[in-house]
Amino acid sequence: MKTDELIHLLAADERPVRRTAIEQRFAVASAVGIAGAGGLMLALFGLRPDLLATMALPMFWGKLMFAAALAAAGLALLRRMARPGMPLGHALLWLAVPPLLLWAMALGALWQVPAAERMPLILGSTWRTCPFNIAALSVPAFVAGFWALKGAAPTRLAWAGAGAGLLAGALGALVYALHCPEMATPFLAVWYVVGMAIPTVLGAILGPRLLRW
């Protein structure tokens, strides 16, 4: 077979790709991740019994906003990582804003209490399990995020995998907030961030292996 004939044969079934195809894949992955995390949370942990009363507290919504903001920033980063050669723009800056704000609030809270009360604020009552619970709830979104990336064309594979892991961790933390009894910003600034860092690091490790063309 001649080269021209081969090219013609390969291009015979060529169809235009929708401009929003990648965004649609990530929307599906996010929806699957949230639904999967919600199902796991109900099966493994359950809703906190005082959830309705807790919803009247500003810090409850602060937890949700922190996780949602990181998920949105991670989604914006992934959208760029999924396209070869696309610059990151301000995506990394927006990614840094939520944790920096939370850490600033945590430092302010620690500054206002006596030294003896600072460690209990950081550890809370669930520090041993919180990060691993968030990581466990991130599994559905982690798998779905890699599925979405496999249908794209990432070239920075470790970064793309880390982005998928971060999105998964943020969605896991968002759902875990419906169970978590902790409300102190120093606790959230340490253990929620650690919980989201676990799938992020795992994604960076697996990205070059699972996303290879």
C-alpha atoms as a PDB file:
ATOM      1  CA  MET A   1       0.000   0.000   0.000  1.00  0.00           C
ATOM      2  CA  LYS A   2       1.311   3.438  -0.941  1.00  0.00           C
ATOM      3  CA  THR A   3       1.707   6.183   1.643  1.00  0.00           C
ATOM      4  CA  ASP A   4      -0.950   8.376   0.042  1.00  0.00           C
ATOM      5  CA  GLU A   5      -3.419   5.502   0.068  1.00  0.00           C
ATOM      6  CA  LEU A   6      -2.684   4.787   3.752  1.00  0.00           C
ATOM      7  CA  ILE A   7      -3.222   8.433   4.704  1.00  0.00           C
ATOM      8  CA  HIS A   8      -6.492   8.523   2.753  1.00  0.00           C
ATOM      9  CA  LEU A   9      -7.641   5.313   4.464  1.00  0.00           C
ATOM     10  CA  LEU A  10      -6.818   6.615   7.938  1.00  0.00           C
ATOM     11  CA  ALA A  11      -8.578   9.923   7.272  1.00  0.00           C
ATOM     12  CA  ALA A  12     -11.684   8.336   5.752  1.00  0.00           C
ATOM     13  CA  ASP A  13     -13.525   8.137   9.087  1.00  0.00           C
ATOM     14  CA  GLU A  14     -12.224  11.433  10.448  1.00  0.00           C
ATOM     15  CA  ARG A  15     -14.868  13.438  12.287  1.00  0.00           C
ATOM     16  CA  PRO A  16     -14.543  16.876  13.856  1.00  0.00           C
ATOM     17  CA  VAL A  17     -14.020  16.860  17.620  1.00  0.00           C
ATOM     18  CA  ARG A  18     -16.354  19.046  19.646  1.00  0.00           C
ATOM     19  CA  ARG A  19     -14.588  22.081  21.131  1.00  0.00           C
ATOM     20  CA  THR A  20     -16.018  21.262  24.550  1.00  0.00           C
ATOM     21  CA  ALA A  21     -15.303  17.527  24.452  1.00  0.00           C
ATOM     22  CA  ILE A  22     -12.639  17.705  27.173  1.00  0.00           C
ATOM     23  CA  GLU A  23     -14.799  19.879  29.421  1.00  0.00           C
ATOM     24  CA  GLN A  24     -17.660  17.424  29.021  1.00  0.00           C
ATOM     25  CA  ARG A  25     -15.418  14.506  29.996  1.00  0.00           C
ATOM     26  CA  PHE A  26     -14.279  16.304  33.132  1.00  0.00           C
ATOM     27  CA  ALA A  27     -17.862  17.272  33.977  1.00  0.00           C
ATOM     28  CA  VAL A  28     -18.843  13.610  33.763  1.00  0.00           C
ATOM     29  CA  ALA A  29     -15.791  12.595  35.815  1.00  0.00           C
ATOM     30  CA  SER A  30     -16.622  15.169  38.506  1.00  0.00           C
ATOM     31  CA  ALA A  31     -20.258  14.070  38.684  1.00  0.00           C
ATOM     32  CA  VAL A  32     -19.239  10.420  38.946  1.00  0.00           C
ATOM     33  CA  GLY A  33     -16.629  11.308  41.567  1.00  0.00           C
ATOM     34  CA  ILE A  34     -19.089  13.206  43.762  1.00  0.00           C
ATOM     35  CA  ALA A  35     -21.751  10.517  43.431  1.00  0.00           C
ATOM     36  CA  GLY A  36     -19.250   7.768  44.184  1.00  0.00           C
ATOM     37  CA  ALA A  37     -17.808   9.633  47.156  1.00  0.00           C
ATOM     38  CA  GLY A  38     -21.307  10.265  48.479  1.00  0.00           C
ATOM     39  CA  GLY A  39     -22.181   6.588  48.249  1.00  0.00           C
ATOM     40  CA  LEU A  40     -18.932   5.570  49.957  1.00  0.00           C
ATOM     41  CA  MET A  41     -19.394   8.183  52.673  1.00  0.00           C
ATOM     42  CA  LEU A  42     -22.915   6.956  53.491  1.00  0.00           C
ATOM     43  CA  ALA A  43     -21.773   3.321  53.458  1.00  0.00           C
ATOM     44  CA  LEU A  44     -18.578   3.779  55.480  1.00  0.00           C
ATOM     45  CA  PHE A  45     -19.194   6.751  57.767  1.00  0.00           C
ATOM     46  CA  GLY A  46     -22.713   8.148  57.504  1.00  0.00           C
ATOM     47  CA  LEU A  47     -23.843  11.746  57.846  1.00  0.00           C
ATOM     48  CA  ARG A  48     -23.003  13.520  61.072  1.00  0.00           C
ATOM     49  CA  PRO A  49     -26.103  13.282  63.298  1.00  0.00           C
ATOM     50  CA  ASP A  50     -26.276  17.026  63.970  1.00  0.00           C
ATOM     51  CA  LEU A  51     -25.855  18.017  60.320  1.00  0.00           C
ATOM     52  CA  LEU A  52     -28.949  20.241  60.185  1.00  0.00           C
ATOM     53  CA  ALA A  53     -27.853  22.200  63.255  1.00  0.00           C
ATOM     54  CA  THR A  54     -24.273  22.376  61.978  1.00  0.00           C
ATOM     55  CA  MET A  55     -25.459  23.918  58.719  1.00  0.00           C
ATOM     56  CA  ALA A  56     -26.266  27.078  60.672  1.00  0.00           C
ATOM     57  CA  LEU A  57     -22.565  27.564  61.491  1.00  0.00           C
ATOM     58  CA  PRO A  58     -20.422  29.670  59.114  1.00  0.00           C
ATOM     59  CA  MET A  59     -17.424  27.354  59.493  1.00  0.00           C
ATOM     60  CA  PHE A  60     -19.407  24.429  58.076  1.00  0.00           C
ATOM     61  CA  TRP A  61     -19.891  26.380  54.863  1.00  0.00           C
ATOM     62  CA  GLY A  62     -16.273  27.487  55.065  1.00  0.00           C
ATOM     63  CA  LYS A  63     -15.184  23.845  54.881  1.00  0.00           C
ATOM     64  CA  LEU A  64     -17.370  23.273  51.856  1.00  0.00           C
ATOM     65  CA  MET A  65     -16.179  26.462  50.160  1.00  0.00           C
ATOM     66  CA  PHE A  66     -12.521  25.537  50.728  1.00  0.00           C
ATOM     67  CA  ALA A  67     -12.923  22.106  49.151  1.00  0.00           C
ATOM     68  CA  ALA A  68     -15.127  23.433  46.336  1.00  0.00           C
ATOM     69  CA  ALA A  69     -12.654  26.230  45.530  1.00  0.00           C
ATOM     70  CA  LEU A  70      -9.782  23.741  45.316  1.00  0.00           C
ATOM     71  CA  ALA A  71     -11.873  21.440  43.140  1.00  0.00           C
ATOM     72  CA  ALA A  72     -12.693  24.330  40.782  1.00  0.00           C
ATOM     73  CA  ALA A  73      -9.034  25.392  40.632  1.00  0.00           C
ATOM     74  CA  GLY A  74      -7.948  21.792  40.040  1.00  0.00           C
ATOM     75  CA  LEU A  75     -10.515  21.462  37.262  1.00  0.00           C
ATOM     76  CA  ALA A  76      -9.203  24.637  35.595  1.00  0.00           C
ATOM     77  CA  LEU A  77      -5.653  23.285  35.817  1.00  0.00           C
ATOM     78  CA  LEU A  78      -6.690  19.899  34.406  1.00  0.00           C
ATOM     79  CA  ARG A  79      -8.457  21.570  31.491  1.00  0.00           C
ATOM     80  CA  ARG A  80      -5.135  23.097  30.489  1.00  0.00           C
ATOM     81  CA  MET A  81      -3.082  19.989  31.226  1.00  0.00           C
ATOM     82  CA  ALA A  82      -5.330  17.926  28.963  1.00  0.00           C
ATOM     83  CA  ARG A  83      -4.369  19.987  25.903  1.00  0.00           C
ATOM     84  CA  PRO A  84      -0.783  19.733  24.626  1.00  0.00           C
ATOM     85  CA  GLY A  85       1.150  22.977  24.677  1.00  0.00           C
ATOM     86  CA  MET A  86      -1.573  24.964  26.417  1.00  0.00           C
ATOM     87  CA  PRO A  87      -0.043  27.474  28.869  1.00  0.00           C
ATOM     88  CA  LEU A  88      -1.032  27.242  32.528  1.00  0.00           C
ATOM     89  CA  GLY A  89      -1.886  30.928  32.720  1.00  0.00           C
ATOM     90  CA  HIS A  90      -3.144  31.865  36.188  1.00  0.00           C
ATOM     91  CA  ALA A  91      -4.275  28.325  37.022  1.00  0.00           C
ATOM     92  CA  LEU A  92      -1.474  27.701  39.540  1.00  0.00           C
ATOM     93  CA  LEU A  93      -2.134  31.062  41.197  1.00  0.00           C
ATOM     94  CA  TRP A  94      -5.814  30.257  41.700  1.00  0.00           C
ATOM     95  CA  LEU A  95      -4.796  26.841  42.989  1.00  0.00           C
ATOM     96  CA  ALA A  96      -2.652  28.440  45.700  1.00  0.00           C
ATOM     97  CA  VAL A  97      -5.275  30.903  46.920  1.00  0.00           C
ATOM     98  CA  PRO A  98      -7.599  28.550  48.914  1.00  0.00           C
ATOM     99  CA  PRO A  99      -4.872  26.878  51.041  1.00  0.00           C
ATOM    100  CA  LEU A 100      -3.073  30.184  51.622  1.00  0.00           C
ATOM    101  CA  LEU A 101      -6.285  31.766  52.896  1.00  0.00           C
ATOM    102  CA  LEU A 102      -7.011  28.768  55.111  1.00  0.00           C
ATOM    103  CA  TRP A 103      -3.480  28.744  56.529  1.00  0.00           C
ATOM    104  CA  ALA A 104      -3.708  32.462  57.275  1.00  0.00           C
ATOM    105  CA  MET A 105      -7.002  31.901  59.121  1.00  0.00           C
ATOM    106  CA  ALA A 106      -5.489  28.965  61.008  1.00  0.00           C
ATOM    107  CA  LEU A 107      -2.483  31.016  62.123  1.00  0.00           C
ATOM    108  CA  GLY A 108      -4.814  33.761  63.276  1.00  0.00           C
ATOM    109  CA  ALA A 109      -6.872  31.289  65.287  1.00  0.00           C
ATOM    110  CA  LEU A 110      -3.755  29.796  66.911  1.00  0.00           C
ATOM    111  CA  TRP A 111      -2.412  33.257  67.727  1.00  0.00           C
ATOM    112  CA  GLN A 112      -5.544  34.105  69.694  1.00  0.00           C
ATOM    113  CA  VAL A 113      -5.448  31.147  72.099  1.00  0.00           C
ATOM    114  CA  PRO A 114      -2.969  30.203  74.850  1.00  0.00           C
ATOM    115  CA  ALA A 115      -0.075  27.957  73.855  1.00  0.00           C
ATOM    116  CA  ALA A 116      -1.555  24.986  75.733  1.00  0.00           C
ATOM    117  CA  GLU A 117      -4.687  25.074  73.582  1.00  0.00           C
ATOM    118  CA  ARG A 118      -2.966  25.202  70.211  1.00  0.00           C
ATOM    119  CA  MET A 119      -2.131  21.523  69.776  1.00  0.00           C
ATOM    120  CA  PRO A 120      -5.692  20.365  70.600  1.00  0.00           C
ATOM    121  CA  LEU A 121      -6.964  22.764  67.913  1.00  0.00           C
ATOM    122  CA  ILE A 122      -4.578  21.240  65.382  1.00  0.00           C
ATOM    123  CA  LEU A 123      -5.198  17.600  66.307  1.00  0.00           C
ATOM    124  CA  GLY A 124      -8.907  17.733  67.035  1.00  0.00           C
ATOM    125  CA  SER A 125     -10.329  14.295  67.786  1.00  0.00           C
ATOM    126  CA  THR A 126      -9.976  12.619  64.379  1.00  0.00           C
ATOM    127  CA  TRP A 127      -6.521  13.542  63.113  1.00  0.00           C
ATOM    128  CA  ARG A 128      -5.474   9.884  62.916  1.00  0.00           C
ATOM    129  CA  THR A 129      -8.246   8.963  60.489  1.00  0.00           C
ATOM    130  CA  CYS A 130      -9.298  12.169  58.705  1.00  0.00           C
ATOM    131  CA  PRO A 131      -6.646  12.234  55.926  1.00  0.00           C
ATOM    132  CA  PHE A 132      -7.150   8.561  55.094  1.00  0.00           C
ATOM    133  CA  ASN A 133     -10.938   8.944  55.070  1.00  0.00           C
ATOM    134  CA  ILE A 134     -10.645  11.813  52.582  1.00  0.00           C
ATOM    135  CA  ALA A 135      -8.238   9.764  50.455  1.00  0.00           C
ATOM    136  CA  ALA A 136     -10.643   6.799  50.517  1.00  0.00           C
ATOM    137  CA  LEU A 137     -13.557   8.960  49.379  1.00  0.00           C
ATOM    138  CA  SER A 138     -11.415  10.352  46.554  1.00  0.00           C
ATOM    139  CA  VAL A 139     -11.065   6.950  44.847  1.00  0.00           C
ATOM    140  CA  PRO A 140     -14.139   7.227  42.552  1.00  0.00           C
ATOM    141  CA  ALA A 141     -13.128  10.702  41.346  1.00  0.00           C
ATOM    142  CA  PHE A 142      -9.499   9.557  40.985  1.00  0.00           C
ATOM    143  CA  VAL A 143     -10.487   6.735  38.636  1.00  0.00           C
ATOM    144  CA  ALA A 144     -12.934   8.963  36.757  1.00  0.00           C
ATOM    145  CA  GLY A 145     -10.335  11.736  36.419  1.00  0.00           C
ATOM    146  CA  PHE A 146      -7.821   9.380  34.835  1.00  0.00           C
ATOM    147  CA  TRP A 147     -10.547   8.099  32.521  1.00  0.00           C
ATOM    148  CA  ALA A 148     -11.182  11.691  31.416  1.00  0.00           C
ATOM    149  CA  LEU A 149      -7.484  12.311  30.847  1.00  0.00           C
ATOM    150  CA  LYS A 150      -7.104   9.127  28.809  1.00  0.00           C
ATOM    151  CA  GLY A 151      -9.530  10.625  26.309  1.00  0.00           C
ATOM    152  CA  ALA A 152      -7.478  13.821  26.057  1.00  0.00           C
ATOM    153  CA  ALA A 153      -3.889  14.471  24.994  1.00  0.00           C
ATOM    154  CA  PRO A 154      -1.812  15.411  28.059  1.00  0.00           C
ATOM    155  CA  THR A 155       1.928  15.758  27.538  1.00  0.00           C
ATOM    156  CA  ARG A 156       2.989  16.704  31.095  1.00  0.00           C
ATOM    157  CA  LEU A 157       1.924  13.366  32.474  1.00  0.00           C
ATOM    158  CA  ALA A 158       3.064  13.713  36.084  1.00  0.00           C
ATOM    159  CA  TRP A 159       1.445  17.140  36.384  1.00  0.00           C
ATOM    160  CA  ALA A 160      -1.732  15.911  34.725  1.00  0.00           C
ATOM    161  CA  GLY A 161      -1.887  12.939  37.093  1.00  0.00           C
ATOM    162  CA  ALA A 162      -1.308  15.233  40.060  1.00  0.00           C
ATOM    163  CA  GLY A 163      -4.121  17.472  38.834  1.00  0.00           C
ATOM    164  CA  ALA A 164      -6.488  14.514  38.612  1.00  0.00           C
ATOM    165  CA  GLY A 165      -5.462  13.474  42.117  1.00  0.00           C
ATOM    166  CA  LEU A 166      -5.978  16.970  43.485  1.00  0.00           C
ATOM    167  CA  LEU A 167      -9.438  17.222  41.942  1.00  0.00           C
ATOM    168  CA  ALA A 168     -10.286  13.816  43.397  1.00  0.00           C
ATOM    169  CA  GLY A 169      -8.988  14.791  46.833  1.00  0.00           C
ATOM    170  CA  ALA A 170     -10.920  18.063  46.819  1.00  0.00           C
ATOM    171  CA  LEU A 171     -14.150  16.283  45.846  1.00  0.00           C
ATOM    172  CA  GLY A 172     -13.493  13.674  48.529  1.00  0.00           C
ATOM    173  CA  ALA A 173     -12.987  16.403  51.127  1.00  0.00           C
ATOM    174  CA  LEU A 174     -16.134  18.180  49.945  1.00  0.00           C
ATOM    175  CA  VAL A 175     -18.223  15.071  50.581  1.00  0.00           C
ATOM    176  CA  TYR A 176     -16.362  14.121  53.780  1.00  0.00           C
ATOM    177  CA  ALA A 177     -17.325  17.481  55.280  1.00  0.00           C
ATOM    178  CA  LEU A 178     -20.883  16.143  55.590  1.00  0.00           C
ATOM    179  CA  HIS A 179     -19.588  13.579  58.081  1.00  0.00           C
ATOM    180  CA  CYS A 180     -16.571  15.251  59.669  1.00  0.00           C
ATOM    181  CA  PRO A 181     -17.147  16.646  63.197  1.00  0.00           C
ATOM    182  CA  GLU A 182     -14.117  18.952  63.079  1.00  0.00           C
ATOM    183  CA  MET A 183     -14.692  22.692  62.649  1.00  0.00           C
ATOM    184  CA  ALA A 184     -11.435  24.363  63.753  1.00  0.00           C
ATOM    185  CA  THR A 185      -9.449  26.031  60.985  1.00  0.00           C
ATOM    186  CA  PRO A 186      -6.066  24.775  62.321  1.00  0.00           C
ATOM    187  CA  PHE A 187      -7.333  21.201  61.998  1.00  0.00           C
ATOM    188  CA  LEU A 188      -8.606  21.775  58.472  1.00  0.00           C
ATOM    189  CA  ALA A 189      -5.417  23.582  57.454  1.00  0.00           C
ATOM    190  CA  VAL A 190      -3.342  20.522  58.331  1.00  0.00           C
ATOM    191  CA  TRP A 191      -5.356  17.337  57.999  1.00  0.00           C
ATOM    192  CA  TYR A 192      -7.715  18.235  55.169  1.00  0.00           C
ATOM    193  CA  VAL A 193      -4.722  19.403  53.155  1.00  0.00           C
ATOM    194  CA  VAL A 194      -2.854  16.173  53.966  1.00  0.00           C
ATOM    195  CA  GLY A 195      -5.907  14.152  52.941  1.00  0.00           C
ATOM    196  CA  MET A 196      -6.018  15.902  49.559  1.00  0.00           C
ATOM    197  CA  ALA A 197      -2.239  15.630  49.157  1.00  0.00           C
ATOM    198  CA  ILE A 198      -2.394  11.801  49.293  1.00  0.00           C
ATOM    199  CA  PRO A 199      -4.267  11.343  45.969  1.00  0.00           C
ATOM    200  CA  THR A 200      -2.339  14.275  44.488  1.00  0.00           C
ATOM    201  CA  VAL A 201       1.030  12.588  45.100  1.00  0.00           C
ATOM    202  CA  LEU A 202      -0.369   9.231  43.980  1.00  0.00           C
ATOM    203  CA  GLY A 203      -1.629  10.858  40.780  1.00  0.00           C
ATOM    204  CA  ALA A 204       1.784  12.359  40.081  1.00  0.00           C
ATOM    205  CA  ILE A 205       3.365   8.923  40.478  1.00  0.00           C
ATOM    206  CA  LEU A 206       0.811   7.074  38.358  1.00  0.00           C
ATOM    207  CA  GLY A 207       0.407   9.757  35.691  1.00  0.00           C
ATOM    208  CA  PRO A 208       3.490   8.824  33.614  1.00  0.00           C
ATOM    209  CA  ARG A 209       2.535   5.145  33.858  1.00  0.00           C
ATOM    210  CA  LEU A 210      -1.194   5.308  33.128  1.00  0.00           C
ATOM    211  CA  LEU A 211      -1.374   8.267  30.757  1.00  0.00           C
ATOM    212  CA  ARG A 212       1.381   7.252  28.337  1.00  0.00           C
ATOM    213  CA  TRP A 213       0.304   7.515  24.714  1.00  0.00           C
END
